[in-house]
Amino acid sequence: MLIDTMSSEKIDTRTRILKAAWSLLEDQTTALPRMSDIAKETGISRQALYLHFPSRLELLVATTRYQDQVFEIDKRLAPSRNAKGGIERLDAFIDALCSYIPKIYGVARALLAVEATDPEAGAAWAERMADVREGCAAAVQALERDGVLPDGVDVEVATDLLWTLISVRNWEHLTQTCGWPQECYLDTVKSLAHAALAQDPTALIRSLKDCSLDGRPTPS
C-alpha cells in the first residue's frame, strides 16, 4: 500500500512539473525557463526536480511529449496510419499535423526562438522535428507504392519538401504574419503537396482561387 501511494505521488509530481514547464514555455514575458524556474513554479526544490528529470533537455522533450498525450496525437494520426492509399494517407497526415500546430504553437515558438543559442532547446526541437519527418516519409513512401509519386522524384527529396511544407515556420508566417484563415492555409498546403507529389498541377490553382482573405487583419 505504501509503495502504491508513493508511486501515485511521484506520478502526480511529474505531471505538475510538466504542466509548470508548459506554462512557462508559453509565457512570452519570460526567457526560456531554467530548471530553477520550473522547480519554483511547481513548488518543489531543484533537487526534487532533478529526481524526475536529470537534465533540462529531458524535461523539454518530455514537455513536448506531454502535449502529445494531452492533445491525443496518436488518435489524430490514426486516419493517416490506417489509410488504404497513398493520397488518402497524405491528406490525412497533412490534416492531422497542420491542425495540430495551433495547439502546440506556444511551446514551439519558445523553442524556435532560442534553438540557435540554446543547445538544449535546439536538441529538444530537433527531436520533435525528426518525429514529424518520419511521418512525412511514411506518407511519401505510400505515394511511391501507389505509383503516384512523379517518375524520377527521389523519395528523400519528396520527404524533405513535405516536411518543409508543414513546418511551424510556414504556418506561423501565413496565419500569424499574413493573417490567412486556418482553413485557407490547410487547403493550400494540401494542394501544394498534391501538385508537387501527386501529379495534380491544377490543385494549387483551385485552392488559391477558393482562398478568401476577406476580413483578415493587416499583415504585420
Protein backbone atom coordinates (compact mmCIF):
# COMPACT_ATOMS: atom_id res chain seq x y z
CA MET A 1 0.00 0.00 0.00
CA LEU A 2 2.82 2.39 0.88
CA ILE A 3 4.56 1.65 -2.43
CA ASP A 4 1.37 2.37 -4.37
CA THR A 5 0.92 5.68 -2.56
CA MET A 6 4.49 6.73 -3.17
CA SER A 7 4.18 5.79 -6.85
CA SER A 8 1.00 7.86 -7.21
CA GLU A 9 2.66 10.83 -5.55
CA LYS A 10 5.62 10.52 -7.90
CA ILE A 11 3.38 10.43 -10.97
CA ASP A 12 1.39 13.43 -9.71
CA THR A 13 4.55 15.43 -9.09
CA ARG A 14 5.86 14.59 -12.55
CA THR A 15 2.65 15.83 -14.13
CA ARG A 16 2.80 19.03 -12.10
CA ILE A 17 6.35 19.60 -13.33
CA LEU A 18 5.33 19.10 -16.95
CA LYS A 19 2.37 21.46 -16.58
CA ALA A 20 4.62 24.08 -14.99
CA ALA A 21 7.19 23.76 -17.77
CA TRP A 22 4.44 24.01 -20.39
CA SER A 23 3.02 27.14 -18.78
CA LEU A 24 6.42 28.84 -18.51
CA LEU A 25 7.33 27.97 -22.10
CA GLU A 26 4.13 29.59 -23.35
CA ASP A 27 4.73 32.75 -21.29
CA GLN A 28 6.16 35.26 -23.75
CA THR A 29 7.13 37.66 -20.96
CA THR A 30 9.98 35.46 -19.74
CA ALA A 31 13.06 33.86 -21.23
CA LEU A 32 13.16 30.11 -21.80
CA PRO A 33 12.78 28.70 -18.27
CA ARG A 34 15.69 27.34 -16.29
CA MET A 35 15.39 24.27 -14.09
CA SER A 36 15.20 26.55 -11.06
CA ASP A 37 12.30 28.47 -12.64
CA ILE A 38 10.38 25.28 -13.28
CA ALA A 39 11.06 23.97 -9.78
CA LYS A 40 9.79 27.23 -8.29
CA GLU A 41 6.67 27.20 -10.48
CA THR A 42 5.98 23.59 -9.44
CA GLY A 43 6.56 24.33 -5.76
CA ILE A 44 9.38 21.86 -5.28
CA SER A 45 13.14 22.06 -4.76
CA ARG A 46 15.63 21.84 -7.61
CA GLN A 47 16.89 18.59 -6.09
CA ALA A 48 13.37 17.12 -6.26
CA LEU A 49 13.02 18.28 -9.86
CA TYR A 50 16.25 16.54 -10.85
CA LEU A 51 14.96 13.30 -9.36
CA HIS A 52 12.26 13.31 -12.02
CA PHE A 53 14.24 14.88 -14.86
CA PRO A 54 18.04 14.57 -14.62
CA SER A 55 18.57 17.19 -17.33
CA ARG A 56 16.83 20.21 -18.80
CA LEU A 57 16.88 18.54 -22.22
CA GLU A 58 14.96 15.55 -20.88
CA LEU A 59 12.40 17.88 -19.31
CA LEU A 60 11.92 19.92 -22.51
CA VAL A 61 11.48 16.77 -24.59
CA ALA A 62 9.10 15.31 -22.00
CA THR A 63 7.03 18.50 -22.09
CA THR A 64 6.51 18.20 -25.85
CA ARG A 65 5.60 14.52 -25.37
CA TYR A 66 3.16 15.52 -22.65
CA GLN A 67 1.46 17.86 -25.11
CA ASP A 68 1.09 14.91 -27.48
CA GLN A 69 -0.55 12.93 -24.69
CA VAL A 70 -2.94 15.73 -23.69
CA PHE A 71 -3.93 16.50 -27.29
CA GLU A 72 -4.12 12.80 -28.23
CA ILE A 73 -1.73 12.91 -31.16
CA ASP A 74 -1.99 9.16 -31.80
CA LYS A 75 -5.76 9.48 -32.21
CA ARG A 76 -5.24 12.40 -34.59
CA LEU A 77 -2.78 10.40 -36.69
CA ALA A 78 -4.87 7.22 -36.77
CA PRO A 79 -6.68 8.09 -40.05
CA SER A 80 -3.32 8.57 -41.76
CA ARG A 81 -1.80 5.40 -40.36
CA ASN A 82 -4.89 3.39 -41.29
CA ALA A 83 -5.30 4.87 -44.78
CA LYS A 84 -5.70 2.42 -47.64
CA GLY A 85 -3.97 4.51 -50.29
CA GLY A 86 -1.15 6.98 -50.69
CA ILE A 87 -3.20 10.10 -51.41
CA GLU A 88 -5.58 9.28 -48.57
CA ARG A 89 -2.61 8.90 -46.24
CA LEU A 90 -1.03 12.14 -47.46
CA ASP A 91 -4.22 14.14 -46.95
CA ALA A 92 -4.92 12.66 -43.53
CA PHE A 93 -1.35 13.30 -42.39
CA ILE A 94 -1.44 16.92 -43.52
CA ASP A 95 -4.84 17.39 -41.85
CA ALA A 96 -3.53 15.99 -38.59
CA LEU A 97 -0.24 17.88 -38.45
CA CYS A 98 -1.42 21.23 -39.77
CA SER A 99 -4.40 21.22 -37.40
CA TYR A 100 -2.10 20.30 -34.52
CA ILE A 101 0.29 23.22 -34.96
CA PRO A 102 -2.05 25.86 -33.44
CA LYS A 103 -2.34 23.78 -30.28
CA ILE A 104 1.41 23.44 -29.69
CA TYR A 105 2.43 26.80 -31.13
CA GLY A 106 3.15 28.46 -27.79
CA VAL A 107 5.76 25.89 -26.80
CA ALA A 108 7.06 25.54 -30.37
CA ARG A 109 7.57 29.28 -30.67
CA ALA A 110 9.54 29.38 -27.41
CA LEU A 111 11.87 26.61 -28.54
CA LEU A 112 12.29 28.02 -32.04
CA ALA A 113 13.16 31.46 -30.69
CA VAL A 114 16.29 30.16 -28.97
CA GLU A 115 17.17 26.97 -30.86
CA ALA A 116 20.31 28.56 -32.33
CA THR A 117 21.63 29.84 -28.99
CA ASP A 118 20.27 27.30 -26.50
CA PRO A 119 21.67 23.81 -27.23
CA GLU A 120 19.09 22.02 -25.07
CA ALA A 121 16.17 23.83 -26.65
CA GLY A 122 17.65 23.16 -30.08
CA ALA A 123 18.06 19.46 -29.33
CA ALA A 124 14.51 19.19 -28.00
CA TRP A 125 13.12 20.84 -31.12
CA ALA A 126 15.29 18.69 -33.40
CA GLU A 127 13.92 15.54 -31.78
CA ARG A 128 10.38 16.78 -32.24
CA MET A 129 11.02 17.56 -35.94
CA ALA A 130 12.65 14.19 -36.51
CA ASP A 131 9.37 12.56 -35.43
CA VAL A 132 7.45 14.72 -37.91
CA ARG A 133 9.84 13.82 -40.71
CA GLU A 134 9.22 10.12 -40.08
CA GLY A 135 5.52 10.75 -40.69
CA CYS A 136 6.34 12.65 -43.88
CA ALA A 137 8.50 9.77 -45.08
CA ALA A 138 5.70 7.27 -44.48
CA ALA A 139 3.25 9.37 -46.49
CA VAL A 140 5.69 9.79 -49.39
CA GLN A 141 6.52 6.08 -49.41
CA ALA A 142 2.80 5.31 -49.65
CA LEU A 143 2.58 7.59 -52.70
CA GLU A 144 5.53 5.79 -54.26
CA ARG A 145 3.99 2.37 -53.65
CA ASP A 146 0.80 3.50 -55.39
CA GLY A 147 2.74 4.82 -58.37
CA VAL A 148 1.50 8.35 -57.68
CA LEU A 149 4.85 9.98 -56.92
CA PRO A 150 6.13 11.54 -60.18
CA ASP A 151 8.72 9.50 -62.06
CA GLY A 152 12.28 10.40 -61.19
CA VAL A 153 11.41 12.18 -57.93
CA ASP A 154 13.65 10.93 -55.15
CA VAL A 155 11.79 9.80 -52.03
CA GLU A 156 14.19 11.67 -49.75
CA VAL A 157 13.76 14.88 -51.74
CA ALA A 158 9.97 14.49 -51.67
CA THR A 159 10.09 13.86 -47.93
CA ASP A 160 12.15 16.99 -47.34
CA LEU A 161 9.66 19.03 -49.36
CA LEU A 162 6.62 17.74 -47.46
CA TRP A 163 8.48 18.26 -44.17
CA THR A 164 9.08 21.88 -45.15
CA LEU A 165 5.51 22.49 -46.32
CA ILE A 166 4.06 21.54 -42.93
CA SER A 167 6.68 23.33 -40.85
CA VAL A 168 5.69 25.54 -37.93
CA ARG A 169 7.54 28.45 -39.53
CA ASN A 170 5.34 28.28 -42.64
CA TRP A 171 2.18 28.05 -40.55
CA GLU A 172 3.36 30.99 -38.46
CA HIS A 173 4.12 33.17 -41.48
CA LEU A 174 0.87 32.53 -43.32
CA THR A 175 -1.56 32.55 -40.38
CA GLN A 176 0.12 34.87 -37.88
CA THR A 177 2.00 37.30 -40.14
CA CYS A 178 -0.15 37.26 -43.28
CA GLY A 179 -3.44 36.67 -41.50
CA TRP A 180 -4.57 33.64 -43.51
CA PRO A 181 -7.53 31.72 -42.04
CA GLN A 182 -6.57 28.23 -40.84
CA GLU A 183 -8.83 26.59 -43.42
CA CYS A 184 -7.21 28.53 -46.27
CA TYR A 185 -3.73 27.62 -45.02
CA LEU A 186 -4.62 23.95 -44.69
CA ASP A 187 -6.20 23.70 -48.15
CA THR A 188 -3.23 25.47 -49.75
CA VAL A 189 -0.63 23.25 -48.09
CA LYS A 190 -2.57 20.17 -49.13
CA SER A 191 -2.85 21.47 -52.69
CA LEU A 192 0.86 22.26 -52.84
CA ALA A 193 1.59 18.71 -51.77
CA HIS A 194 -0.78 17.32 -54.43
CA ALA A 195 0.78 19.49 -57.12
CA ALA A 196 4.36 18.53 -56.25
CA LEU A 197 3.98 14.93 -55.07
CA ALA A 198 0.75 13.53 -56.52
CA GLN A 199 0.87 14.75 -60.13
CA ASP A 200 -2.04 17.17 -59.75
CA PRO A 201 -0.65 20.51 -61.01
CA THR A 202 -4.05 22.22 -61.08
CA ALA A 203 -4.67 21.57 -57.37
CA LEU A 204 -2.83 24.67 -56.24
CA ILE A 205 -4.65 26.97 -58.67
CA ARG A 206 -8.02 25.64 -57.49
CA SER A 207 -7.05 26.13 -53.88
CA LEU A 208 -5.79 29.68 -54.33
CA LYS A 209 -8.94 30.67 -56.21
CA ASP A 210 -11.05 29.31 -53.36
CA CYS A 211 -8.97 31.01 -50.66
CA SER A 212 -10.72 34.12 -49.33
CA LEU A 213 -8.85 36.60 -47.18
CA ASP A 214 -11.80 38.93 -46.64
CA GLY A 215 -11.72 40.47 -43.20
CA ARG A 216 -8.20 39.35 -42.39
CA PRO A 217 -6.05 41.67 -40.26
CA THR A 218 -3.44 43.79 -41.99
CA PRO A 219 -0.21 41.74 -42.29
CA SER A 220 2.40 42.88 -39.76
